PDB file of all heavy atoms in Angstrom:
ATOM      1  N   GLU A   1      89.226  46.810-129.815  1.00  0.00           N
ATOM      2  CA  GLU A   1      87.873  46.498-130.154  1.00  0.00           C
ATOM      3  C   GLU A   1      86.992  46.532-128.919  1.00  0.00           C
ATOM      4  O   GLU A   1      85.817  46.927-129.012  1.00  0.00           O
ATOM      5  CB  GLU A   1      87.847  45.093-130.793  1.00  0.00           C
ATOM      6  CG  GLU A   1      88.359  45.045-132.205  1.00  0.00           C
ATOM      7  CD  GLU A   1      88.038  43.689-132.859  1.00  0.00           C
ATOM      8  OE1 GLU A   1      87.218  42.910-132.349  1.00  0.00           O
ATOM      9  OE2 GLU A   1      88.626  43.399-133.935  1.00  0.00           O
ATOM     10  N   SER A   2      87.470  46.164-127.800  1.00  0.00           N
ATOM     11  CA  SER A   2      86.676  46.143-126.535  1.00  0.00           C
ATOM     12  C   SER A   2      86.292  47.537-126.158  1.00  0.00           C
ATOM     13  O   SER A   2      87.202  48.414-125.914  1.00  0.00           O
ATOM     14  CB  SER A   2      87.485  45.491-125.456  1.00  0.00           C
ATOM     15  OG  SER A   2      86.914  45.801-124.179  1.00  0.00           O
ATOM     16  N   LEU A   3      84.990  47.841-126.109  1.00  0.00           N
ATOM     17  CA  LEU A   3      84.565  49.164-125.712  1.00  0.00           C
ATOM     18  C   LEU A   3      84.986  49.486-124.270  1.00  0.00           C
ATOM     19  O   LEU A   3      85.308  50.606-123.959  1.00  0.00           O
ATOM     20  CB  LEU A   3      83.063  49.279-125.871  1.00  0.00           C
ATOM     21  CG  LEU A   3      82.501  49.340-127.323  1.00  0.00           C
ATOM     22  CD1 LEU A   3      80.987  49.308-127.281  1.00  0.00           C
ATOM     23  CD2 LEU A   3      83.042  50.580-128.027  1.00  0.00           C
ATOM     24  N   LYS A   4      84.894  48.445-123.397  1.00  0.00           N
ATOM     25  CA  LYS A   4      85.266  48.697-122.025  1.00  0.00           C
ATOM     26  C   LYS A   4      86.722  49.117-121.934  1.00  0.00           C
ATOM     27  O   LYS A   4      87.034  50.099-121.181  1.00  0.00           O
ATOM     28  CB  LYS A   4      85.070  47.405-121.186  1.00  0.00           C
ATOM     29  CG  LYS A   4      85.319  47.555-119.689  1.00  0.00           C
ATOM     30  CD  LYS A   4      84.981  46.283-118.947  1.00  0.00           C
ATOM     31  CE  LYS A   4      85.200  46.468-117.468  1.00  0.00           C
ATOM     32  NZ  LYS A   4      84.878  45.236-116.688  1.00  0.00           N
ATOM     33  N   GLU A   5      87.615  48.463-122.652  1.00  0.00           N
ATOM     34  CA  GLU A   5      89.030  48.827-122.628  1.00  0.00           C
ATOM     35  C   GLU A   5      89.222  50.186-123.267  1.00  0.00           C
ATOM     36  O   GLU A   5      90.000  50.981-122.757  1.00  0.00           O
ATOM     37  CB  GLU A   5      89.860  47.756-123.312  1.00  0.00           C
ATOM     38  CG  GLU A   5      89.905  46.411-122.611  1.00  0.00           C
ATOM     39  CD  GLU A   5      90.674  45.376-123.424  1.00  0.00           C
ATOM     40  OE1 GLU A   5      91.413  45.753-124.362  1.00  0.00           O
ATOM     41  OE2 GLU A   5      90.497  44.169-123.184  1.00  0.00           O
ATOM     42  N   ALA A   6      88.499  50.454-124.334  1.00  0.00           N
ATOM     43  CA  ALA A   6      88.634  51.751-125.060  1.00  0.00           C
ATOM     44  C   ALA A   6      88.224  52.887-124.125  1.00  0.00           C
ATOM     45  O   ALA A   6      88.845  53.944-124.040  1.00  0.00           O
ATOM     46  CB  ALA A   6      87.849  51.744-126.296  1.00  0.00           C
ATOM     47  N   CYS A   7      87.066  52.673-123.425  1.00  0.00           N
ATOM     48  CA  CYS A   7      86.578  53.711-122.499  1.00  0.00           C
ATOM     49  C   CYS A   7      87.565  53.954-121.393  1.00  0.00           C
ATOM     50  O   CYS A   7      87.816  55.104-120.968  1.00  0.00           O
ATOM     51  CB  CYS A   7      85.241  53.283-121.917  1.00  0.00           C
ATOM     52  SG  CYS A   7      83.835  53.393-123.093  1.00  0.00           S
ATOM     53  N   SER A   8      88.216  52.921-120.897  1.00  0.00           N
ATOM     54  CA  SER A   8      89.187  53.049-119.842  1.00  0.00           C
ATOM     55  C   SER A   8      90.374  53.879-120.334  1.00  0.00           C
ATOM     56  O   SER A   8      90.885  54.771-119.653  1.00  0.00           O
ATOM     57  CB  SER A   8      89.689  51.671-119.358  1.00  0.00           C
ATOM     58  OG  SER A   8      90.700  51.793-118.392  1.00  0.00           O
ATOM     59  N   ILE A   9      90.802  53.600-121.570  1.00  0.00           N
ATOM     60  CA  ILE A   9      91.996  54.321-122.098  1.00  0.00           C
ATOM     61  C   ILE A   9      91.677  55.797-122.299  1.00  0.00           C
ATOM     62  O   ILE A   9      92.481  56.642-121.926  1.00  0.00           O
ATOM     63  CB  ILE A   9      92.405  53.710-123.467  1.00  0.00           C
ATOM     64  CG1 ILE A   9      93.004  52.263-123.241  1.00  0.00           C
ATOM     65  CG2 ILE A   9      93.420  54.590-124.180  1.00  0.00           C
ATOM     66  CD1 ILE A   9      93.169  51.509-124.521  1.00  0.00           C
ATOM     67  N   VAL A  10      90.503  56.110-122.841  1.00  0.00           N
ATOM     68  CA  VAL A  10      90.148  57.524-123.019  1.00  0.00           C
ATOM     69  C   VAL A  10      89.946  58.234-121.698  1.00  0.00           C
ATOM     70  O   VAL A  10      90.375  59.374-121.527  1.00  0.00           O
ATOM     71  CB  VAL A  10      88.912  57.610-123.932  1.00  0.00           C
ATOM     72  CG1 VAL A  10      88.484  59.119-124.116  1.00  0.00           C
ATOM     73  CG2 VAL A  10      89.082  56.922-125.305  1.00  0.00           C
ATOM     74  N   SER A  11      89.299  57.568-120.802  1.00  0.00           N
ATOM     75  CA  SER A  11      89.029  58.214-119.475  1.00  0.00           C
ATOM     76  C   SER A  11      90.347  58.518-118.754  1.00  0.00           C
ATOM     77  O   SER A  11      90.485  59.591-118.112  1.00  0.00           O
ATOM     78  CB  SER A  11      88.173  57.247-118.604  1.00  0.00           C
ATOM     79  OG  SER A  11      86.887  57.055-119.194  1.00  0.00           O
ATOM     80  N   LYS A  12      91.330  57.644-118.872  1.00  0.00           N
ATOM     81  CA  LYS A  12      92.629  57.849-118.187  1.00  0.00           C
ATOM     82  C   LYS A  12      93.376  59.064-118.790  1.00  0.00           C
ATOM     83  O   LYS A  12      94.279  59.574-118.156  1.00  0.00           O
ATOM     84  CB  LYS A  12      93.463  56.591-118.273  1.00  0.00           C
ATOM     85  CG  LYS A  12      92.978  55.516-117.364  1.00  0.00           C
ATOM     86  CD  LYS A  12      93.793  54.226-117.507  1.00  0.00           C
ATOM     87  CE  LYS A  12      93.285  53.141-116.548  1.00  0.00           C
ATOM     88  NZ  LYS A  12      94.075  51.877-116.692  1.00  0.00           N
ATOM     89  N   ALA A  13      92.990  59.520-119.988  1.00  0.00           N
ATOM     90  CA  ALA A  13      93.626  60.631-120.593  1.00  0.00           C
ATOM     91  C   ALA A  13      93.266  61.943-119.866  1.00  0.00           C
ATOM     92  O   ALA A  13      93.856  62.972-120.101  1.00  0.00           O
ATOM     93  CB  ALA A  13      93.311  60.748-122.079  1.00  0.00           C
ATOM     94  N   GLU A  14      92.188  61.871-119.049  1.00  0.00           N
ATOM     95  CA  GLU A  14      91.711  63.042-118.299  1.00  0.00           C
ATOM     96  C   GLU A  14      91.487  64.222-119.145  1.00  0.00           C
ATOM     97  O   GLU A  14      92.034  65.358-118.921  1.00  0.00           O
ATOM     98  CB  GLU A  14      92.679  63.342-117.101  1.00  0.00           C
ATOM     99  CG  GLU A  14      92.822  62.228-116.106  1.00  0.00           C
ATOM    100  CD  GLU A  14      93.626  62.606-114.910  1.00  0.00           C
ATOM    101  OE1 GLU A  14      94.484  63.558-115.060  1.00  0.00           O
ATOM    102  OE2 GLU A  14      93.478  62.038-113.849  1.00  0.00           O
ATOM    103  N   LEU A  15      90.721  64.052-120.194  1.00  0.00           N
ATOM    104  CA  LEU A  15      90.409  65.131-121.137  1.00  0.00           C
ATOM    105  C   LEU A  15      89.562  66.222-120.516  1.00  0.00           C
ATOM    106  O   LEU A  15      88.709  65.870-119.663  1.00  0.00           O
ATOM    107  CB  LEU A  15      89.701  64.536-122.353  1.00  0.00           C
ATOM    108  CG  LEU A  15      90.467  63.396-123.121  1.00  0.00           C
ATOM    109  CD1 LEU A  15      89.482  62.856-124.234  1.00  0.00           C
ATOM    110  CD2 LEU A  15      91.739  63.997-123.754  1.00  0.00           C
ATOM    111  N   ASP A  16      89.731  67.398-120.973  1.00  0.00           N
ATOM    112  CA  ASP A  16      88.769  68.540-120.626  1.00  0.00           C
ATOM    113  C   ASP A  16      87.608  68.441-121.593  1.00  0.00           C
ATOM    114  O   ASP A  16      86.477  68.822-121.234  1.00  0.00           O
ATOM    115  CB  ASP A  16      89.475  69.835-120.722  1.00  0.00           C
ATOM    116  CG  ASP A  16      90.568  69.982-119.706  1.00  0.00           C
ATOM    117  OD1 ASP A  16      90.284  69.896-118.489  1.00  0.00           O
ATOM    118  OD2 ASP A  16      91.755  70.115-120.118  1.00  0.00           O
ATOM    119  N   ILE A  17      87.872  68.033-122.839  1.00  0.00           N
ATOM    120  CA  ILE A  17      86.829  68.101-123.927  1.00  0.00           C
ATOM    121  C   ILE A  17      87.198  66.975-124.883  1.00  0.00           C
ATOM    122  O   ILE A  17      88.364  66.778-125.229  1.00  0.00           O
ATOM    123  CB  ILE A  17      86.730  69.481-124.544  1.00  0.00           C
ATOM    124  CG1 ILE A  17      85.645  69.525-125.601  1.00  0.00           C
ATOM    125  CG2 ILE A  17      88.117  69.876-125.119  1.00  0.00           C
ATOM    126  CD1 ILE A  17      85.349  70.966-126.033  1.00  0.00           C
ATOM    127  N   LEU A  18      86.161  66.339-125.386  1.00  0.00           N
ATOM    128  CA  LEU A  18      86.387  65.246-126.394  1.00  0.00           C
ATOM    129  C   LEU A  18      85.487  65.602-127.617  1.00  0.00           C
ATOM    130  O   LEU A  18      84.284  65.809-127.489  1.00  0.00           O
ATOM    131  CB  LEU A  18      85.909  63.880-125.801  1.00  0.00           C
ATOM    132  CG  LEU A  18      85.958  62.651-126.723  1.00  0.00           C
ATOM    133  CD1 LEU A  18      87.330  62.484-127.300  1.00  0.00           C
ATOM    134  CD2 LEU A  18      85.530  61.422-125.954  1.00  0.00           C
ATOM    135  N   PHE A  19      86.115  65.626-128.748  1.00  0.00           N
ATOM    136  CA  PHE A  19      85.512  66.015-130.023  1.00  0.00           C
ATOM    137  C   PHE A  19      85.370  64.844-130.954  1.00  0.00           C
ATOM    138  O   PHE A  19      86.425  64.228-131.303  1.00  0.00           O
ATOM    139  CB  PHE A  19      86.280  67.161-130.639  1.00  0.00           C
ATOM    140  CG  PHE A  19      85.761  67.664-131.980  1.00  0.00           C
ATOM    141  CD1 PHE A  19      84.417  67.886-132.127  1.00  0.00           C
ATOM    142  CD2 PHE A  19      86.623  67.881-133.065  1.00  0.00           C
ATOM    143  CE1 PHE A  19      83.913  68.355-133.424  1.00  0.00           C
ATOM    144  CE2 PHE A  19      86.143  68.301-134.258  1.00  0.00           C
ATOM    145  CZ  PHE A  19      84.771  68.584-134.404  1.00  0.00           C
ATOM    146  N   TYR A  20      84.156  64.509-131.346  1.00  0.00           N
ATOM    147  CA  TYR A  20      83.851  63.487-132.371  1.00  0.00           C
ATOM    148  C   TYR A  20      83.423  64.220-133.652  1.00  0.00           C
ATOM    149  O   TYR A  20      82.357  64.677-133.717  1.00  0.00           O
ATOM    150  CB  TYR A  20      82.774  62.581-131.951  1.00  0.00           C
ATOM    151  CG  TYR A  20      83.063  61.689-130.769  1.00  0.00           C
ATOM    152  CD1 TYR A  20      82.745  62.139-129.480  1.00  0.00           C
ATOM    153  CD2 TYR A  20      83.466  60.383-130.944  1.00  0.00           C
ATOM    154  CE1 TYR A  20      82.945  61.259-128.386  1.00  0.00           C
ATOM    155  CE2 TYR A  20      83.680  59.534-129.842  1.00  0.00           C
ATOM    156  CZ  TYR A  20      83.380  60.012-128.574  1.00  0.00           C
ATOM    157  OH  TYR A  20      83.557  59.190-127.457  1.00  0.00           O
ATOM    158  N   PRO A  21      84.312  64.332-134.678  1.00  0.00           N
ATOM    159  CA  PRO A  21      83.936  65.088-135.841  1.00  0.00           C
ATOM    160  C   PRO A  21      82.788  64.504-136.649  1.00  0.00           C
ATOM    161  O   PRO A  21      82.112  65.214-137.391  1.00  0.00           O
ATOM    162  CB  PRO A  21      85.253  65.092-136.684  1.00  0.00           C
ATOM    163  CG  PRO A  21      86.299  64.711-135.734  1.00  0.00           C
ATOM    164  CD  PRO A  21      85.696  63.862-134.732  1.00  0.00           C
ATOM    165  N   ASP A  22      82.566  63.184-136.536  1.00  0.00           N
ATOM    166  CA  ASP A  22      81.685  62.507-137.533  1.00  0.00           C
ATOM    167  C   ASP A  22      80.894  61.292-136.986  1.00  0.00           C
ATOM    168  O   ASP A  22      80.909  60.209-137.552  1.00  0.00           O
ATOM    169  CB  ASP A  22      82.570  62.008-138.643  1.00  0.00           C
ATOM    170  CG  ASP A  22      83.728  61.123-138.200  1.00  0.00           C
ATOM    171  OD1 ASP A  22      83.516  59.885-138.060  1.00  0.00           O
ATOM    172  OD2 ASP A  22      84.786  61.613-137.971  1.00  0.00           O
ATOM    173  N   ILE A  23      80.169  61.519-135.894  1.00  0.00           N
ATOM    174  CA  ILE A  23      79.399  60.416-135.332  1.00  0.00           C
ATOM    175  C   ILE A  23      78.342  59.949-136.318  1.00  0.00           C
ATOM    176  O   ILE A  23      77.507  60.770-136.763  1.00  0.00           O
ATOM    177  CB  ILE A  23      78.797  60.806-133.995  1.00  0.00           C
ATOM    178  CG1 ILE A  23      79.868  61.018-132.937  1.00  0.00           C
ATOM    179  CG2 ILE A  23      77.801  59.659-133.508  1.00  0.00           C
ATOM    180  CD1 ILE A  23      79.319  61.500-131.651  1.00  0.00           C
ATOM    181  N   GLY A  24      78.381  58.718-136.683  1.00  0.00           N
ATOM    182  CA  GLY A  24      77.431  58.127-137.693  1.00  0.00           C
ATOM    183  C   GLY A  24      78.182  57.572-138.866  1.00  0.00           C
ATOM    184  O   GLY A  24      77.650  56.732-139.577  1.00  0.00           O
ATOM    185  N   MET A  25      79.450  57.990-139.064  1.00  0.00           N
ATOM    186  CA  MET A  25      80.241  57.421-140.144  1.00  0.00           C
ATOM    187  C   MET A  25      80.778  56.041-139.805  1.00  0.00           C
ATOM    188  O   MET A  25      81.108  55.269-140.696  1.00  0.00           O
ATOM    189  CB  MET A  25      81.400  58.355-140.442  1.00  0.00           C
ATOM    190  CG  MET A  25      80.982  59.721-141.029  1.00  0.00           C
ATOM    191  SD  MET A  25      80.349  59.593-142.709  1.00  0.00           S
ATOM    192  CE  MET A  25      81.898  59.354-143.546  1.00  0.00           C
ATOM    193  N   SER A  26      80.967  55.757-138.510  1.00  0.00           N
ATOM    194  CA  SER A  26      81.515  54.523-138.062  1.00  0.00           C
ATOM    195  C   SER A  26      80.702  53.938-136.964  1.00  0.00           C
ATOM    196  O   SER A  26      80.407  54.652-135.963  1.00  0.00           O
ATOM    197  CB  SER A  26      82.974  54.758-137.583  1.00  0.00           C
ATOM    198  OG  SER A  26      83.458  53.694-136.826  1.00  0.00           O
ATOM    199  N   PRO A  27      80.356  52.659-136.984  1.00  0.00           N
ATOM    200  CA  PRO A  27      79.690  52.009-135.866  1.00  0.00           C
ATOM    201  C   PRO A  27      80.510  52.084-134.568  1.00  0.00           C
ATOM    202  O   PRO A  27      79.931  52.167-133.458  1.00  0.00           O
ATOM    203  CB  PRO A  27      79.537  50.529-136.311  1.00  0.00           C
ATOM    204  CG  PRO A  27      79.561  50.580-137.812  1.00  0.00           C
ATOM    205  CD  PRO A  27      80.508  51.719-138.126  1.00  0.00           C
ATOM    206  N   TYR A  28      81.828  52.063-134.710  1.00  0.00           N
ATOM    207  CA  TYR A  28      82.706  52.064-133.508  1.00  0.00           C
ATOM    208  C   TYR A  28      82.595  53.369-132.753  1.00  0.00           C
ATOM    209  O   TYR A  28      82.348  53.379-131.547  1.00  0.00           O
ATOM    210  CB  TYR A  28      84.150  51.808-133.929  1.00  0.00           C
ATOM    211  CG  TYR A  28      85.099  51.641-132.770  1.00  0.00           C
ATOM    212  CD1 TYR A  28      85.280  50.407-132.143  1.00  0.00           C
ATOM    213  CD2 TYR A  28      85.840  52.782-132.297  1.00  0.00           C
ATOM    214  CE1 TYR A  28      86.160  50.302-131.034  1.00  0.00           C
ATOM    215  CE2 TYR A  28      86.705  52.617-131.249  1.00  0.00           C
ATOM    216  CZ  TYR A  28      86.873  51.379-130.577  1.00  0.00           C
ATOM    217  OH  TYR A  28      87.708  51.257-129.527  1.00  0.00           O
TER     218      TYR A  28
END
């Protein structure tokens, strides 16, 4: 639930590209 923790987890994945199929369907 913590956005700070979530951002840390995603950032550590060292992605080249991040795809959000449906921004607007979920507040999260």
